[in-house]
Amino acid sequence: MERVENKSVYNENEEEIDIDNIDDLIENVMWKNLNVDELLNFCLVSKKYRRICENNTTWKYLLKRDYDYIYNEKNAKEKYFQIKYGIDNFWKLLRIIRKKFTVQQIVSPLSNIDTFLRTYILEYVDPLTLESIYDGYVYIVRFLTNILHQLKPYIENRLSITISKYNMVNFARFLILLGEDNYINFLQDPVLNFSQNIHNYTINNSLNNSPLIFDKIKYY
């Protein structure tokens, strides 16, 4: 498993510019439609884009755009990549687990996944990476729970039940098990994703029964 480097990506000389007041099409509009990898590539070859990448306000904007995270400190770029690395490392761990366990096996109380996960982490995952994985997991659960709360009237109508915040957190934990691709699809269109997967989501009683395996990894 790849290690998250414990280094800062914050430059103390970064500017603090109001990006909405820049009278330039590239600097004020076009870059906002790029993903971070595209933006960083442009920053390597363009002075205009380099100015954007060196602006702390840019990373505040990207934190809100990509992670719905409001951040008002000077090291916004470092915070952005801290969240990104945590999420990326969590998905890497989940892919390893899903190669050995189905979703049904993971949620089963008879599963030996705890033993497998503990052994794997102790052997292959260093403490810094484990902390990153846990933080990424917690962020994803919170992010999904907030979206599900907005979706609550629709879900209650489709299932003809009343659901609590506890149910929402459980559902978020279960939805994660279906993998990164399903997670991305859900973020793009939560209603469509839920309607297309309603049988899969309900047959596993995901509102009331979700595994806590990742909630415990911090203490391995």
Protein backbone atom coordinates (compact mmCIF):
# COMPACT_ATOMS: atom_id res chain seq x y z
CA MET A 1 0.00 0.00 0.00
CA GLU A 2 1.32 3.46 -0.88
CA ARG A 3 2.46 5.63 1.99
CA VAL A 4 1.18 9.15 2.44
CA GLU A 5 4.23 11.36 2.61
CA ASN A 6 4.38 13.43 5.76
CA LYS A 7 5.39 16.65 4.07
CA SER A 8 3.84 20.05 3.63
CA VAL A 9 2.62 21.28 0.28
CA TYR A 10 1.99 24.74 1.67
CA ASN A 11 4.10 27.61 0.41
CA GLU A 12 4.38 30.49 2.87
CA ASN A 13 4.67 32.89 -0.08
CA GLU A 14 1.28 31.96 -1.50
CA GLU A 15 -0.85 34.96 -2.37
CA GLU A 16 -4.29 35.66 -0.96
CA ILE A 17 -6.29 37.09 -3.88
CA ASP A 18 -10.05 37.43 -4.26
CA ILE A 19 -10.44 35.11 -7.25
CA ASP A 20 -13.90 36.44 -8.03
CA ASN A 21 -12.52 39.94 -8.57
CA ILE A 22 -9.85 39.01 -11.10
CA ASP A 23 -10.72 40.57 -14.46
CA ASP A 24 -9.35 37.74 -16.58
CA LEU A 25 -11.30 34.94 -18.26
CA ILE A 26 -8.70 32.26 -17.50
CA GLU A 27 -8.00 33.29 -13.93
CA ASN A 28 -11.58 33.98 -12.95
CA VAL A 29 -13.63 31.41 -14.87
CA MET A 30 -11.98 28.74 -16.97
CA TRP A 31 -9.85 27.04 -14.30
CA LYS A 32 -12.89 26.46 -12.10
CA ASN A 33 -14.08 23.75 -14.49
CA LEU A 34 -10.80 21.81 -14.32
CA ASN A 35 -10.11 18.93 -11.96
CA VAL A 36 -7.09 19.37 -9.72
CA ASP A 37 -4.74 17.21 -11.80
CA GLU A 38 -5.57 19.22 -14.92
CA LEU A 39 -5.10 22.48 -13.05
CA LEU A 40 -1.70 21.42 -11.68
CA ASN A 41 -0.54 20.38 -15.15
CA PHE A 42 -1.48 23.79 -16.54
CA CYS A 43 0.35 25.44 -13.64
CA LEU A 44 3.57 23.78 -14.77
CA VAL A 45 3.47 25.40 -18.21
CA SER A 46 1.48 28.62 -17.81
CA LYS A 47 2.33 31.71 -15.78
CA LYS A 48 -1.34 32.62 -15.53
CA TYR A 49 -2.25 29.21 -14.15
CA ARG A 50 0.80 29.21 -11.89
CA ARG A 51 -0.54 32.38 -10.33
CA ILE A 52 -3.81 30.58 -9.67
CA CYS A 53 -2.08 27.60 -8.07
CA GLU A 54 -0.06 29.88 -5.80
CA ASN A 55 -3.18 31.61 -4.57
CA ASN A 56 -4.40 30.28 -1.21
CA THR A 57 -7.93 31.39 -2.06
CA THR A 58 -7.89 28.97 -5.00
CA TRP A 59 -7.50 26.03 -2.64
CA LYS A 60 -10.21 27.32 -0.33
CA TYR A 61 -12.49 27.34 -3.36
CA LEU A 62 -11.41 23.83 -4.40
CA LEU A 63 -11.97 22.49 -0.90
CA LYS A 64 -15.54 23.74 -1.01
CA ARG A 65 -16.10 22.63 -4.62
CA ASP A 66 -14.65 19.14 -4.35
CA TYR A 67 -15.20 18.25 -0.71
CA ASP A 68 -17.86 20.65 0.56
CA TYR A 69 -15.29 21.70 3.14
CA ILE A 70 -15.12 25.29 4.37
CA TYR A 71 -11.57 26.23 5.35
CA ASN A 72 -10.28 29.68 6.28
CA GLU A 73 -6.64 29.08 7.20
CA LYS A 74 -3.53 29.93 5.17
CA ASN A 75 -2.52 26.35 4.34
CA ALA A 76 -5.57 25.51 2.22
CA LYS A 77 -3.51 23.63 -0.38
CA GLU A 78 -2.04 21.37 2.29
CA LYS A 79 -5.52 20.73 3.71
CA TYR A 80 -6.84 19.89 0.26
CA PHE A 81 -4.23 17.20 -0.32
CA GLN A 82 -4.56 15.89 3.22
CA ILE A 83 -8.22 15.12 2.52
CA LYS A 84 -7.46 13.83 -0.97
CA TYR A 85 -4.72 11.45 0.19
CA GLY A 86 -6.91 10.14 3.00
CA ILE A 87 -9.78 9.36 0.65
CA ASP A 88 -7.48 7.82 -1.97
CA ASN A 89 -5.83 5.58 0.63
CA PHE A 90 -9.17 4.45 2.01
CA TRP A 91 -10.35 3.36 -1.45
CA LYS A 92 -7.08 1.47 -1.96
CA LEU A 93 -7.70 -0.48 1.25
CA LEU A 94 -11.30 -1.18 0.31
CA ARG A 95 -10.24 -2.55 -3.09
CA ILE A 96 -7.91 -4.98 -1.32
CA ILE A 97 -10.74 -6.11 0.97
CA ARG A 98 -13.23 -6.50 -1.88
CA LYS A 99 -10.83 -8.86 -3.67
CA LYS A 100 -11.30 -11.31 -0.79
CA PHE A 101 -14.79 -10.51 0.53
CA THR A 102 -18.15 -9.80 -1.06
CA VAL A 103 -20.38 -7.09 0.36
CA GLN A 104 -22.63 -9.79 1.84
CA GLN A 105 -19.64 -11.39 3.56
CA ILE A 106 -18.50 -8.04 4.94
CA VAL A 107 -21.88 -7.28 6.52
CA SER A 108 -22.31 -10.82 7.85
CA PRO A 109 -21.74 -11.19 11.63
CA LEU A 110 -20.08 -14.54 10.82
CA SER A 111 -17.41 -12.92 8.62
CA ASN A 112 -13.74 -13.17 9.58
CA ILE A 113 -12.98 -9.81 8.00
CA ASP A 114 -11.89 -8.29 11.33
CA THR A 115 -9.12 -10.84 11.63
CA PHE A 116 -8.04 -10.35 8.02
CA LEU A 117 -8.06 -6.56 8.28
CA ARG A 118 -6.16 -6.46 11.57
CA THR A 119 -3.50 -8.84 10.22
CA TYR A 120 -3.15 -6.90 6.96
CA ILE A 121 -2.85 -3.52 8.70
CA LEU A 122 -0.28 -4.72 11.24
CA GLU A 123 1.83 -6.23 8.47
CA TYR A 124 1.54 -3.74 5.63
CA VAL A 125 0.20 -0.36 6.84
CA ASP A 126 2.34 2.12 8.76
CA PRO A 127 0.75 4.34 11.46
CA LEU A 128 0.79 7.49 9.33
CA THR A 129 -1.03 5.79 6.46
CA LEU A 130 -3.51 4.17 8.85
CA GLU A 131 -4.38 7.58 10.29
CA SER A 132 -4.83 8.90 6.76
CA ILE A 133 -7.11 5.97 5.86
CA TYR A 134 -9.26 6.49 8.94
CA ASP A 135 -9.57 10.24 8.34
CA GLY A 136 -10.54 9.57 4.71
CA TYR A 137 -13.20 7.10 5.82
CA VAL A 138 -14.66 9.49 8.39
CA TYR A 139 -14.80 12.28 5.81
CA ILE A 140 -16.62 10.07 3.27
CA VAL A 141 -19.18 8.92 5.85
CA ARG A 142 -19.89 12.49 6.94
CA PHE A 143 -20.11 13.75 3.37
CA LEU A 144 -22.50 10.96 2.36
CA THR A 145 -24.60 11.41 5.50
CA ASN A 146 -25.11 15.10 4.67
CA ILE A 147 -26.22 14.23 1.14
CA LEU A 148 -28.52 11.49 2.40
CA HIS A 149 -30.08 13.92 4.86
CA GLN A 150 -31.00 16.16 1.91
CA LEU A 151 -32.36 13.07 0.16
CA LYS A 152 -34.36 11.95 3.20
CA PRO A 153 -37.86 12.91 1.93
CA TYR A 154 -37.28 11.03 -1.31
CA ILE A 155 -35.92 7.91 0.44
CA GLU A 156 -38.77 7.89 2.96
CA ASN A 157 -41.29 8.20 0.16
CA ARG A 158 -39.72 5.37 -1.87
CA LEU A 159 -39.43 3.03 1.11
CA SER A 160 -42.61 4.15 2.90
CA ILE A 161 -40.78 4.40 6.22
CA THR A 162 -39.47 7.06 8.58
CA ILE A 163 -35.69 7.14 8.83
CA SER A 164 -33.46 8.62 11.52
CA LYS A 165 -29.98 10.15 11.46
CA TYR A 166 -28.74 6.79 12.76
CA ASN A 167 -30.25 5.13 9.69
CA MET A 168 -28.53 7.69 7.46
CA VAL A 169 -25.09 6.97 8.94
CA ASN A 170 -25.67 3.23 8.56
CA PHE A 171 -26.68 3.67 4.95
CA ALA A 172 -23.58 5.80 4.30
CA ARG A 173 -21.37 3.04 5.76
CA PHE A 174 -23.06 0.46 3.55
CA LEU A 175 -22.94 2.57 0.38
CA ILE A 176 -19.17 2.90 0.80
CA LEU A 177 -18.78 -0.89 0.59
CA LEU A 178 -20.03 -0.85 -3.00
CA GLY A 179 -16.83 0.88 -4.05
CA GLU A 180 -15.46 4.13 -5.38
CA ASP A 181 -17.22 3.99 -8.76
CA ASN A 182 -20.64 3.66 -7.13
CA TYR A 183 -19.70 6.44 -4.70
CA ILE A 184 -18.84 8.77 -7.60
CA ASN A 185 -22.07 7.85 -9.40
CA PHE A 186 -24.03 8.56 -6.25
CA LEU A 187 -22.45 12.01 -5.87
CA GLN A 188 -23.21 12.86 -9.49
CA ASP A 189 -26.92 12.00 -9.19
CA PRO A 190 -28.06 10.69 -5.78
CA VAL A 191 -31.70 10.23 -6.79
CA LEU A 192 -30.88 8.30 -9.95
CA ASN A 193 -28.31 6.15 -8.15
CA PHE A 194 -30.73 5.30 -5.35
CA SER A 195 -33.56 4.45 -7.74
CA GLN A 196 -31.31 2.21 -9.83
CA ASN A 197 -29.90 0.40 -6.80
CA ILE A 198 -32.89 0.39 -4.47
CA HIS A 199 -33.09 -3.41 -4.40
CA ASN A 200 -29.41 -3.75 -3.56
CA TYR A 201 -29.64 -1.08 -0.87
CA THR A 202 -32.73 -2.51 0.81
CA ILE A 203 -32.15 -6.26 0.51
CA ASN A 204 -29.15 -5.93 2.82
CA ASN A 205 -31.15 -3.92 5.39
CA SER A 206 -28.56 -1.18 5.00
CA LEU A 207 -30.53 1.37 7.01
CA ASN A 208 -30.35 -0.72 10.18
CA ASN A 209 -27.40 -3.02 9.68
CA SER A 210 -23.99 -1.77 8.60
CA PRO A 211 -20.50 -2.99 9.46
CA LEU A 212 -18.33 -1.01 11.85
CA ILE A 213 -15.05 -2.52 10.65
CA PHE A 214 -13.62 0.76 9.43
CA ASP A 215 -14.73 2.64 12.54
CA LYS A 216 -12.37 0.41 14.53
CA ILE A 217 -9.23 0.43 12.37
CA LYS A 218 -7.78 3.45 14.14
CA TYR A 219 -7.29 1.28 17.20
CA TYR A 220 -5.54 -1.66 15.50
